[in-house]
Amino acid sequence: MRAATSIYFFEGDVRFFGEGPCRLLRGIEECGSLRASAAKMNLSYSKAITIVSRAEEALGFPLTEKKIGGKGGGGSKLTPQAIAFLEKYEAYREACYEANRKLYLDFFSE
């Protein structure tokens, strides 16, 4: 038996951030492209745009900077605010996981 913890952020009743958006943004950081990050996650590009837009609206700041295509092609990169938010989210997520592990042992260890 094991316990699982999921971390989601809501604005009102609308979930706007969790593991999926986190992975999508880290993929942009890795690939340099929202489209490539979405493809890596088997997400449609339009769904990825919706995810990013919803999070930007809830957070009140842009998460990506877009580079329009041309000779070298287009792409995206994370804004400094996005990088700082991801670092906080990931630290918070790890703290929640650790707290859950400790509570699980407190309640269910023999």
C-alpha atoms as a PDB file:
ATOM      1  CA  MET A   1       0.000   0.000   0.000  1.00  0.00           C
ATOM      2  CA  ARG A   2       1.161   3.536  -0.700  1.00  0.00           C
ATOM      3  CA  ALA A   3      -0.205   7.058  -0.586  1.00  0.00           C
ATOM      4  CA  ALA A   4      -0.051   9.504  -3.500  1.00  0.00           C
ATOM      5  CA  THR A   5       0.030  13.274  -3.484  1.00  0.00           C
ATOM      6  CA  SER A   6      -1.038  15.463  -6.384  1.00  0.00           C
ATOM      7  CA  ILE A   7      -0.425  19.199  -6.372  1.00  0.00           C
ATOM      8  CA  TYR A   8      -2.808  21.423  -8.332  1.00  0.00           C
ATOM      9  CA  PHE A   9      -3.342  25.172  -8.251  1.00  0.00           C
ATOM     10  CA  PHE A  10      -6.808  26.605  -8.807  1.00  0.00           C
ATOM     11  CA  GLU A  11      -8.197  30.024  -9.651  1.00  0.00           C
ATOM     12  CA  GLY A  12     -11.766  29.821  -8.400  1.00  0.00           C
ATOM     13  CA  ASP A  13     -12.988  26.427  -9.582  1.00  0.00           C
ATOM     14  CA  VAL A  14     -10.604  26.245 -12.549  1.00  0.00           C
ATOM     15  CA  ARG A  15      -7.431  24.194 -12.230  1.00  0.00           C
ATOM     16  CA  PHE A  16      -4.634  26.077 -13.962  1.00  0.00           C
ATOM     17  CA  PHE A  17      -1.390  24.439 -12.871  1.00  0.00           C
ATOM     18  CA  GLY A  18      -0.033  21.057 -11.894  1.00  0.00           C
ATOM     19  CA  GLU A  19       2.334  18.385 -13.188  1.00  0.00           C
ATOM     20  CA  GLY A  20       1.196  18.629 -16.813  1.00  0.00           C
ATOM     21  CA  PRO A  21       1.774  22.364 -17.224  1.00  0.00           C
ATOM     22  CA  CYS A  22       5.027  22.031 -15.264  1.00  0.00           C
ATOM     23  CA  ARG A  23       6.295  19.355 -17.670  1.00  0.00           C
ATOM     24  CA  LEU A  24       5.119  21.401 -20.658  1.00  0.00           C
ATOM     25  CA  LEU A  25       7.088  24.443 -19.490  1.00  0.00           C
ATOM     26  CA  ARG A  26      10.190  22.391 -18.671  1.00  0.00           C
ATOM     27  CA  GLY A  27       9.883  20.938 -22.175  1.00  0.00           C
ATOM     28  CA  ILE A  28       9.895  24.448 -23.655  1.00  0.00           C
ATOM     29  CA  GLU A  29      13.049  25.122 -21.693  1.00  0.00           C
ATOM     30  CA  GLU A  30      14.607  21.935 -23.062  1.00  0.00           C
ATOM     31  CA  CYS A  31      13.351  22.074 -26.680  1.00  0.00           C
ATOM     32  CA  GLY A  32      13.120  25.834 -27.229  1.00  0.00           C
ATOM     33  CA  SER A  33       9.627  25.412 -28.642  1.00  0.00           C
ATOM     34  CA  LEU A  34       6.077  25.093 -27.358  1.00  0.00           C
ATOM     35  CA  ARG A  35       5.166  22.963 -30.369  1.00  0.00           C
ATOM     36  CA  ALA A  36       8.073  20.545 -29.755  1.00  0.00           C
ATOM     37  CA  SER A  37       7.306  20.333 -26.042  1.00  0.00           C
ATOM     38  CA  ALA A  38       3.636  19.589 -26.794  1.00  0.00           C
ATOM     39  CA  ALA A  39       4.573  16.922 -29.340  1.00  0.00           C
ATOM     40  CA  LYS A  40       6.911  15.283 -26.825  1.00  0.00           C
ATOM     41  CA  MET A  41       3.937  15.007 -24.432  1.00  0.00           C
ATOM     42  CA  ASN A  42       1.525  13.854 -27.174  1.00  0.00           C
ATOM     43  CA  LEU A  43      -0.497  17.055 -26.752  1.00  0.00           C
ATOM     44  CA  SER A  44      -1.978  19.028 -29.604  1.00  0.00           C
ATOM     45  CA  TYR A  45      -0.401  22.430 -30.129  1.00  0.00           C
ATOM     46  CA  SER A  46      -3.774  24.123 -29.558  1.00  0.00           C
ATOM     47  CA  LYS A  47      -4.176  22.306 -26.212  1.00  0.00           C
ATOM     48  CA  ALA A  48      -0.671  23.406 -25.198  1.00  0.00           C
ATOM     49  CA  ILE A  49      -1.507  27.021 -26.058  1.00  0.00           C
ATOM     50  CA  THR A  50      -4.664  26.772 -23.934  1.00  0.00           C
ATOM     51  CA  ILE A  51      -2.722  25.359 -20.976  1.00  0.00           C
ATOM     52  CA  VAL A  52      -0.113  28.117 -21.118  1.00  0.00           C
ATOM     53  CA  SER A  53      -2.712  30.864 -21.655  1.00  0.00           C
ATOM     54  CA  ARG A  54      -4.847  29.676 -18.726  1.00  0.00           C
ATOM     55  CA  ALA A  55      -1.825  29.635 -16.416  1.00  0.00           C
ATOM     56  CA  GLU A  56      -0.662  33.072 -17.610  1.00  0.00           C
ATOM     57  CA  GLU A  57      -4.109  34.522 -16.977  1.00  0.00           C
ATOM     58  CA  ALA A  58      -4.311  33.066 -13.467  1.00  0.00           C
ATOM     59  CA  LEU A  59      -0.745  34.014 -12.524  1.00  0.00           C
ATOM     60  CA  GLY A  60      -0.878  37.492 -14.021  1.00  0.00           C
ATOM     61  CA  PHE A  61       2.404  37.325 -15.916  1.00  0.00           C
ATOM     62  CA  PRO A  62       3.684  35.826 -19.167  1.00  0.00           C
ATOM     63  CA  LEU A  63       5.303  32.406 -19.008  1.00  0.00           C
ATOM     64  CA  THR A  64       6.869  32.388 -22.471  1.00  0.00           C
ATOM     65  CA  GLU A  65       8.552  34.754 -24.873  1.00  0.00           C
ATOM     66  CA  LYS A  66       7.851  33.921 -28.502  1.00  0.00           C
ATOM     67  CA  LYS A  67      10.283  34.306 -31.366  1.00  0.00           C
ATOM     68  CA  ILE A  68       8.564  34.621 -34.727  1.00  0.00           C
ATOM     69  CA  GLY A  69       9.847  32.273 -37.431  1.00  0.00           C
ATOM     70  CA  GLY A  70      12.167  33.302 -40.192  1.00  0.00           C
ATOM     71  CA  LYS A  71      15.496  32.126 -41.476  1.00  0.00           C
ATOM     72  CA  GLY A  72      16.420  30.400 -38.208  1.00  0.00           C
ATOM     73  CA  GLY A  73      12.840  29.403 -37.393  1.00  0.00           C
ATOM     74  CA  GLY A  74      10.650  30.470 -34.512  1.00  0.00           C
ATOM     75  CA  GLY A  75      10.529  29.222 -30.979  1.00  0.00           C
ATOM     76  CA  SER A  76       9.731  30.003 -27.385  1.00  0.00           C
ATOM     77  CA  LYS A  77      11.641  30.436 -24.186  1.00  0.00           C
ATOM     78  CA  LEU A  78      10.552  30.822 -20.593  1.00  0.00           C
ATOM     79  CA  THR A  79      10.362  34.257 -19.017  1.00  0.00           C
ATOM     80  CA  PRO A  80      12.349  34.955 -15.856  1.00  0.00           C
ATOM     81  CA  GLN A  81       9.028  34.990 -13.941  1.00  0.00           C
ATOM     82  CA  ALA A  82       8.176  31.539 -15.323  1.00  0.00           C
ATOM     83  CA  ILE A  83      11.545  30.133 -14.271  1.00  0.00           C
ATOM     84  CA  ALA A  84      11.146  31.565 -10.754  1.00  0.00           C
ATOM     85  CA  PHE A  85       7.576  30.227 -10.515  1.00  0.00           C
ATOM     86  CA  LEU A  86       8.653  26.743 -11.654  1.00  0.00           C
ATOM     87  CA  GLU A  87      11.418  26.676  -9.064  1.00  0.00           C
ATOM     88  CA  LYS A  88       8.928  27.596  -6.311  1.00  0.00           C
ATOM     89  CA  TYR A  89       6.326  25.120  -7.579  1.00  0.00           C
ATOM     90  CA  GLU A  90       8.843  22.264  -7.724  1.00  0.00           C
ATOM     91  CA  ALA A  91      10.204  23.059  -4.239  1.00  0.00           C
ATOM     92  CA  TYR A  92       6.641  23.246  -2.866  1.00  0.00           C
ATOM     93  CA  ARG A  93       5.720  19.978  -4.602  1.00  0.00           C
ATOM     94  CA  GLU A  94       8.753  18.201  -3.114  1.00  0.00           C
ATOM     95  CA  ALA A  95       7.931  19.567   0.356  1.00  0.00           C
ATOM     96  CA  CYS A  96       4.365  18.249   0.002  1.00  0.00           C
ATOM     97  CA  TYR A  97       5.633  14.836  -1.115  1.00  0.00           C
ATOM     98  CA  GLU A  98       7.994  14.676   1.861  1.00  0.00           C
ATOM     99  CA  ALA A  99       5.251  15.733   4.295  1.00  0.00           C
ATOM    100  CA  ASN A 100       2.970  13.061   2.829  1.00  0.00           C
ATOM    101  CA  ARG A 101       5.680  10.386   3.231  1.00  0.00           C
ATOM    102  CA  LYS A 102       6.149  11.339   6.883  1.00  0.00           C
ATOM    103  CA  LEU A 103       2.409  11.396   7.592  1.00  0.00           C
ATOM    104  CA  TYR A 104       1.943   8.060   5.862  1.00  0.00           C
ATOM    105  CA  LEU A 105       4.587   6.489   8.106  1.00  0.00           C
ATOM    106  CA  ASP A 106       3.084   8.136  11.206  1.00  0.00           C
ATOM    107  CA  PHE A 107      -0.342   6.689  10.482  1.00  0.00           C
ATOM    108  CA  PHE A 108       0.347   3.381   8.744  1.00  0.00           C
ATOM    109  CA  SER A 109       3.754   2.019   9.774  1.00  0.00           C
ATOM    110  CA  GLU A 110       3.634  -1.072  11.926  1.00  0.00           C
END
